[in-house]
């Protein structure tokens, strides 16, 4: 993997697993549970210049990335709830790039994003821990991917997504000796 590919996918691209075990589900839930605090601990002492640094050339700033993570968690949590309460609902997609360019992602303090992440992940993890194996087989239809996705598949992706962006920020911190 060349350096530009590494900066884009520091933990590698998401790879779907053919079989997601109960142990995998437990690890993914733990990732979601721990993520808000891990992220906050990573950047809590960063100043405005650091938060407004791109994690890679052509990438978002750390501020945008933190707000993206809040947006993504909000959308993912909603998708889980829809799949649990409706029969294979078609989810609404959103343009992540355009959302990241809105003022509430581009220039606001990151504290509200952390408050949202903490609350969403706490509720999400509580719900995830209560699900049966059958409920984890519930699906939603993703129109951009033109396929049905089970909740356990989406849980695996969401855990990867947290680790993926955490690695972006941590690598920038290491690279700059912050």
Foldseek 3Di string as FASTA:
>chain_A
DDPVVCLQFVPDDDDFDPDQDPVNLVVLLVLLLCLLVLLCVLPVPPDPVQQQDALDVVHGGVLLLLLLLLVVLVQLLVQLVCLLPDQQAEGDDDDSVVVSVDCVRNPDDSVVSSVSSNVSSVVSSVVSVPDDPVSQQRWHAYVVVRDIDGNVRVSSVSSSSSVRVSCSSVVSCVVVVD
